[in-house]
Amino acid sequence: MVTDQSAGKTSSIRIAAVNELLRAVIDVPPRWLLLVIAAAILSCFELSSGPDGTTLTFRVTTVTVALVALAWAPALIRVVGLAGGAVRTPLGEASSGSLVDLLRSLDVDTQREALPAVIAALGTPSSGSAAAAVQEELESDLAKLPIDAASAPQRLSDLGREYEAVRASLKASSERTFKMTQVFTEARGVAASARLEPMYLSDLWTRQRIGDRIVVLAAIQANPQRAHLEIVLDSIAAAASPFEQYQALRTLEMMVPMLSDADRDRARQVIEDRRNPKADGFRFDDPTSDRGQVAARIIQAIG
């Protein structure tokens, strides 16, 4: 028999879950929103030359309307992923394809700024879902954006410092996780475009700054190689944060097909050690957590 108190508690949990879902769906990254609003305002001004000189006119164009619609792309992509198809808006039907096409119509610099925010906003969708397919497509687009290889190391260093600033300035929250994921995603895109040498990543890892550790994991995810296994296992065993450990587990999952039997035994041992409730450091002994689920998939893949 369920008491009134128990029933009330269950109802509260359900309401909290619904509220969290709604927040995730409608949340729009502030940097993304400011970027698109600025572009929409600029699109309203038009310079023209004539016999009387240069004139500046203000008018709302179709480009302005498209940019305003684009401001809500992260939220719409989430809705599309949840709905499994398309949603109708005042501007017409919004589907994952149309949103991806709209993002691709932006110039390279704007795409490099926008895509990490949209990818991060999607979170970790279920494998095989519409949202997962969109995320994979956008990650591929980000990796293909051209970048000057000479400037990539400096950009990665800047992202490492940005990651550290986010961790230092924000308390543990969904907002902080989103911003860290955004930094990680951009770092992965930069590394994918630059094709960094394994030696550079090893040297960067030895600095042991938490931002550099994250940047190195992002770079390995962009181009996983068996030579990086030591770094990945070290990151799982001695992670500086749960976020780092989660990304290290995701990286190891990508590397499983290229591992030898001996490598797999070592990977299994590291995971089992972190599953031990009595182990020091960050653990994933809760099988229902994000890290616990990735670890379970790795163990299953290892066989």
Protein backbone atom coordinates (compact mmCIF):
# COMPACT_ATOMS: atom_id res chain seq x y z
CA MET A 1 0.00 0.00 0.00
CA VAL A 2 1.36 3.43 -0.99
CA THR A 3 1.04 6.12 1.64
CA ASP A 4 0.15 9.71 0.85
CA GLN A 5 3.68 10.73 1.77
CA SER A 6 5.21 8.23 -0.63
CA ALA A 7 2.81 9.21 -3.38
CA GLY A 8 3.68 12.86 -2.87
CA LYS A 9 7.38 12.07 -3.12
CA THR A 10 6.91 10.13 -6.33
CA SER A 11 4.91 12.97 -7.84
CA SER A 12 7.61 15.46 -6.86
CA ILE A 13 10.29 13.38 -8.57
CA ARG A 14 8.23 13.18 -11.73
CA ILE A 15 7.60 16.92 -11.78
CA ALA A 16 11.32 17.60 -11.27
CA ALA A 17 12.16 15.27 -14.16
CA VAL A 18 9.66 17.01 -16.44
CA ASN A 19 11.00 20.44 -15.46
CA GLU A 20 14.55 19.33 -16.24
CA LEU A 21 13.46 17.97 -19.62
CA LEU A 22 11.71 21.23 -20.51
CA ARG A 23 14.74 23.26 -19.44
CA ALA A 24 16.99 21.12 -21.62
CA VAL A 25 14.71 21.50 -24.62
CA ILE A 26 14.26 25.28 -24.54
CA ASP A 27 17.75 26.24 -23.29
CA VAL A 28 19.63 28.39 -25.81
CA PRO A 29 23.37 29.08 -25.31
CA PRO A 30 23.87 32.81 -24.46
CA ARG A 31 26.94 33.22 -26.71
CA TRP A 32 25.02 31.70 -29.62
CA LEU A 33 22.01 33.93 -28.97
CA LEU A 34 24.11 37.11 -28.78
CA LEU A 35 25.98 36.19 -31.97
CA VAL A 36 22.83 35.61 -33.99
CA ILE A 37 21.04 38.69 -32.61
CA ALA A 38 24.04 40.86 -33.54
CA ALA A 39 24.04 39.41 -37.05
CA ALA A 40 20.26 39.97 -37.34
CA ILE A 41 20.63 43.64 -36.33
CA LEU A 42 23.44 44.20 -38.81
CA SER A 43 21.38 42.61 -41.58
CA CYS A 44 18.76 45.36 -41.14
CA PHE A 45 21.15 48.08 -42.30
CA GLU A 46 21.88 48.55 -45.97
CA LEU A 47 24.38 50.93 -47.56
CA SER A 48 23.67 52.16 -51.07
CA SER A 49 25.41 54.66 -53.35
CA GLY A 50 23.64 57.04 -55.71
CA PRO A 51 23.81 60.50 -57.32
CA ASP A 52 23.09 62.09 -53.94
CA GLY A 53 25.87 60.15 -52.18
CA THR A 54 25.85 57.18 -49.85
CA THR A 55 22.68 56.47 -47.89
CA LEU A 56 22.02 54.16 -44.98
CA THR A 57 18.62 52.50 -44.86
CA PHE A 58 17.04 50.31 -42.22
CA ARG A 59 14.71 47.50 -43.20
CA VAL A 60 13.87 43.97 -42.11
CA THR A 61 14.82 41.46 -44.79
CA THR A 62 14.31 37.74 -45.27
CA VAL A 63 17.88 37.31 -44.05
CA THR A 64 16.91 39.03 -40.79
CA VAL A 65 13.95 36.69 -40.33
CA ALA A 66 16.13 33.65 -41.06
CA LEU A 67 18.72 34.78 -38.52
CA VAL A 68 16.07 35.29 -35.84
CA ALA A 69 14.83 31.76 -36.52
CA LEU A 70 18.41 30.49 -36.39
CA ALA A 71 18.79 31.88 -32.86
CA TRP A 72 16.56 29.04 -31.65
CA ALA A 73 18.33 26.33 -33.68
CA PRO A 74 19.76 24.52 -30.60
CA ALA A 75 16.31 24.29 -29.02
CA LEU A 76 14.64 23.31 -32.28
CA ILE A 77 17.18 20.58 -32.93
CA ARG A 78 16.44 19.14 -29.49
CA VAL A 79 12.71 19.28 -30.17
CA VAL A 80 13.21 17.60 -33.54
CA GLY A 81 15.28 14.91 -31.85
CA LEU A 82 12.58 14.29 -29.25
CA ALA A 83 9.76 14.43 -31.78
CA GLY A 84 11.66 12.14 -34.14
CA GLY A 85 10.91 14.13 -37.27
CA ALA A 86 9.94 17.77 -37.72
CA VAL A 87 8.16 20.58 -35.93
CA ARG A 88 6.07 23.41 -37.36
CA THR A 89 7.08 26.98 -36.66
CA PRO A 90 5.65 30.38 -37.75
CA LEU A 91 8.31 30.33 -40.48
CA GLY A 92 7.38 26.88 -41.76
CA GLU A 93 8.34 23.33 -40.91
CA ALA A 94 11.65 22.94 -39.07
CA SER A 95 13.35 19.60 -39.62
CA SER A 96 16.81 18.40 -38.71
CA GLY A 97 17.79 18.64 -42.38
CA SER A 98 16.67 22.24 -42.77
CA LEU A 99 18.44 23.30 -39.57
CA VAL A 100 21.68 21.61 -40.61
CA ASP A 101 21.44 23.27 -44.03
CA LEU A 102 20.90 26.63 -42.38
CA LEU A 103 24.02 26.18 -40.25
CA ARG A 104 26.01 25.17 -43.32
CA SER A 105 24.99 28.38 -45.08
CA LEU A 106 27.02 30.41 -42.54
CA ASP A 107 30.60 31.47 -43.27
CA VAL A 108 33.45 29.36 -41.87
CA ASP A 109 34.27 31.61 -38.90
CA THR A 110 30.63 31.77 -37.83
CA GLN A 111 30.25 28.01 -38.17
CA ARG A 112 33.31 27.46 -35.99
CA GLU A 113 31.73 29.68 -33.35
CA ALA A 114 28.20 28.28 -33.67
CA LEU A 115 28.61 24.54 -34.19
CA PRO A 116 30.20 23.72 -30.79
CA ALA A 117 27.31 25.49 -29.03
CA VAL A 118 24.68 23.58 -31.01
CA ILE A 119 26.48 20.23 -30.56
CA ALA A 120 26.87 20.83 -26.84
CA ALA A 121 23.21 21.81 -26.55
CA LEU A 122 22.23 18.39 -27.88
CA GLY A 123 23.88 16.78 -24.85
CA THR A 124 24.27 13.00 -25.06
CA PRO A 125 21.35 11.74 -27.16
CA SER A 126 20.42 8.07 -27.28
CA SER A 127 22.31 6.04 -29.84
CA GLY A 128 20.31 5.68 -33.05
CA SER A 129 17.98 8.60 -32.28
CA ALA A 130 17.28 11.48 -34.64
CA ALA A 131 19.17 13.84 -32.33
CA ALA A 132 22.21 11.51 -32.33
CA ALA A 133 22.21 11.48 -36.14
CA VAL A 134 22.07 15.29 -36.24
CA GLN A 135 24.86 15.56 -33.67
CA GLU A 136 27.08 13.18 -35.64
CA GLU A 137 26.47 15.17 -38.82
CA LEU A 138 27.29 18.48 -37.14
CA GLU A 139 30.44 17.03 -35.55
CA SER A 140 31.54 15.90 -39.00
CA ASP A 141 30.91 19.39 -40.39
CA LEU A 142 32.94 20.94 -37.56
CA ALA A 143 35.86 18.59 -38.20
CA LYS A 144 35.90 19.54 -41.89
CA LEU A 145 36.17 23.29 -41.29
CA PRO A 146 39.59 24.49 -42.53
CA ILE A 147 42.07 25.89 -40.01
CA ASP A 148 45.63 27.15 -40.24
CA ALA A 149 47.69 24.30 -38.78
CA ALA A 150 50.26 26.78 -37.45
CA SER A 151 47.64 28.59 -35.37
CA ALA A 152 45.96 25.42 -34.03
CA PRO A 153 48.30 24.92 -31.02
CA GLN A 154 47.69 28.46 -29.80
CA ARG A 155 43.92 28.06 -30.18
CA LEU A 156 44.03 24.79 -28.25
CA SER A 157 46.04 26.49 -25.50
CA ASP A 158 43.43 29.27 -25.34
CA LEU A 159 40.66 26.68 -25.06
CA GLY A 160 42.53 24.96 -22.24
CA ARG A 161 42.63 28.23 -20.31
CA GLU A 162 38.95 28.84 -21.12
CA TYR A 163 38.05 25.42 -19.71
CA GLU A 164 39.96 26.20 -16.51
CA ALA A 165 38.18 29.56 -16.21
CA VAL A 166 34.77 27.90 -16.56
CA ARG A 167 35.57 25.37 -13.82
CA ALA A 168 36.90 28.09 -11.54
CA SER A 169 34.05 30.57 -12.03
CA LEU A 170 31.00 28.29 -11.96
CA LYS A 171 29.70 25.82 -9.42
CA ALA A 172 28.82 22.29 -10.48
CA SER A 173 25.66 22.65 -12.57
CA SER A 174 24.14 21.88 -15.94
CA GLU A 175 25.33 25.31 -17.11
CA ARG A 176 28.95 24.50 -16.24
CA THR A 177 28.71 21.08 -17.90
CA PHE A 178 27.29 22.69 -21.02
CA LYS A 179 30.09 25.27 -21.22
CA MET A 180 32.79 22.66 -20.61
CA THR A 181 31.27 20.48 -23.32
CA GLN A 182 31.23 23.45 -25.68
CA VAL A 183 34.95 24.07 -25.08
CA PHE A 184 35.72 20.35 -25.48
CA THR A 185 33.74 20.17 -28.71
CA GLU A 186 35.54 23.16 -30.23
CA ALA A 187 38.91 21.71 -29.22
CA ARG A 188 38.00 18.44 -30.92
CA GLY A 189 37.05 20.32 -34.08
CA VAL A 190 40.29 22.31 -34.13
CA ALA A 191 42.36 19.15 -33.58
CA ALA A 192 40.47 17.26 -36.29
CA SER A 193 41.21 20.00 -38.81
CA ALA A 194 44.87 20.40 -37.81
CA ARG A 195 45.78 16.68 -37.54
CA LEU A 196 48.22 17.14 -34.63
CA GLU A 197 51.25 14.89 -34.16
CA PRO A 198 51.10 12.31 -31.34
CA MET A 199 54.35 13.71 -29.91
CA TYR A 200 52.79 17.15 -29.53
CA LEU A 201 49.89 15.66 -27.57
CA SER A 202 52.24 13.67 -25.33
CA ASP A 203 54.24 16.81 -24.55
CA LEU A 204 51.04 18.75 -23.82
CA TRP A 205 49.80 15.97 -21.52
CA THR A 206 52.96 16.08 -19.40
CA ARG A 207 52.15 19.67 -18.37
CA GLN A 208 49.30 18.23 -16.27
CA ARG A 209 47.18 21.38 -16.32
CA ILE A 210 43.50 20.43 -16.18
CA GLY A 211 42.75 22.47 -19.30
CA ASP A 212 45.60 20.85 -21.25
CA ARG A 213 44.41 17.38 -20.20
CA ILE A 214 40.95 18.13 -21.60
CA VAL A 215 42.36 19.52 -24.84
CA VAL A 216 44.52 16.41 -25.32
CA LEU A 217 41.51 14.11 -24.83
CA ALA A 218 39.53 16.17 -27.33
CA ALA A 219 42.36 15.85 -29.85
CA ILE A 220 42.57 12.08 -29.34
CA GLN A 221 38.81 11.76 -29.85
CA ALA A 222 39.22 13.63 -33.13
CA ASN A 223 41.84 11.15 -34.33
CA PRO A 224 42.04 8.10 -32.01
CA GLN A 225 45.21 6.00 -32.28
CA ARG A 226 46.49 3.03 -30.30
CA ALA A 227 49.60 5.06 -29.43
CA HIS A 228 47.38 7.26 -27.23
CA LEU A 229 46.21 4.41 -25.00
CA GLU A 230 48.58 5.27 -22.11
CA ILE A 231 47.19 8.81 -21.94
CA VAL A 232 43.58 7.63 -22.03
CA LEU A 233 44.05 4.99 -19.33
CA ASP A 234 45.92 7.49 -17.16
CA SER A 235 43.04 9.93 -17.57
CA ILE A 236 40.52 7.31 -16.44
CA ALA A 237 42.62 6.16 -13.48
CA ALA A 238 43.75 9.59 -12.26
CA ALA A 239 41.16 12.00 -13.67
CA ALA A 240 41.25 15.59 -12.43
CA SER A 241 37.43 15.74 -12.60
CA PRO A 242 34.39 13.56 -13.36
CA PHE A 243 34.01 15.44 -16.67
CA GLU A 244 37.55 14.48 -17.70
CA GLN A 245 36.95 10.87 -16.70
CA TYR A 246 33.74 10.73 -18.74
CA GLN A 247 35.50 12.06 -21.84
CA ALA A 248 38.37 9.62 -21.30
CA LEU A 249 35.89 6.73 -21.14
CA ARG A 250 34.23 7.92 -24.34
CA THR A 251 37.67 8.08 -25.98
CA LEU A 252 38.54 4.56 -24.84
CA GLU A 253 35.23 3.31 -26.24
CA MET A 254 36.25 4.67 -29.66
CA MET A 255 39.63 2.94 -29.41
CA VAL A 256 38.41 -0.57 -28.48
CA PRO A 257 38.44 -1.95 -32.07
CA MET A 258 42.16 -1.07 -32.47
CA LEU A 259 43.34 -2.59 -29.17
CA SER A 260 45.32 -5.83 -28.80
CA ASP A 261 44.32 -8.54 -26.33
CA ALA A 262 46.91 -7.25 -23.87
CA ASP A 263 45.60 -3.70 -24.27
CA ARG A 264 42.07 -4.89 -23.59
CA ASP A 265 43.15 -6.68 -20.42
CA ARG A 266 44.77 -3.48 -19.14
CA ALA A 267 41.72 -1.40 -20.06
CA ARG A 268 39.45 -3.88 -18.26
CA GLN A 269 41.63 -3.73 -15.15
CA VAL A 270 41.59 0.09 -15.06
CA ILE A 271 37.81 0.11 -15.37
CA GLU A 272 37.34 -2.52 -12.69
CA ASP A 273 39.60 -0.55 -10.34
CA ARG A 274 37.46 2.59 -10.85
CA ARG A 275 34.29 0.54 -10.25
CA ASN A 276 35.50 -0.37 -6.76
CA PRO A 277 33.47 1.68 -4.22
CA LYS A 278 36.52 1.76 -1.92
CA ALA A 279 38.94 3.14 -4.52
CA ASP A 280 40.41 6.60 -4.06
CA GLY A 281 39.76 9.34 -6.60
CA PHE A 282 36.85 9.59 -9.01
CA ARG A 283 34.86 6.37 -9.45
CA PHE A 284 31.94 5.20 -11.55
CA ASP A 285 30.61 2.52 -9.22
CA ASP A 286 27.05 3.68 -9.97
CA PRO A 287 26.11 1.67 -13.11
CA THR A 288 23.26 4.07 -13.95
CA SER A 289 25.51 7.15 -14.17
CA ASP A 290 26.79 8.44 -17.52
CA ARG A 291 30.29 7.17 -16.74
CA GLY A 292 28.94 3.87 -15.46
CA GLN A 293 26.99 3.28 -18.67
CA VAL A 294 29.99 4.05 -20.91
CA ALA A 295 32.16 1.74 -18.78
CA ALA A 296 29.61 -1.06 -19.13
CA ARG A 297 29.60 -0.66 -22.91
CA ILE A 298 33.40 -0.82 -23.00
CA ILE A 299 33.48 -4.02 -20.92
CA GLN A 300 30.91 -5.56 -23.23
CA ALA A 301 32.86 -4.51 -26.32
CA ILE A 302 36.13 -5.84 -24.88
CA GLY A 303 34.48 -9.24 -24.34
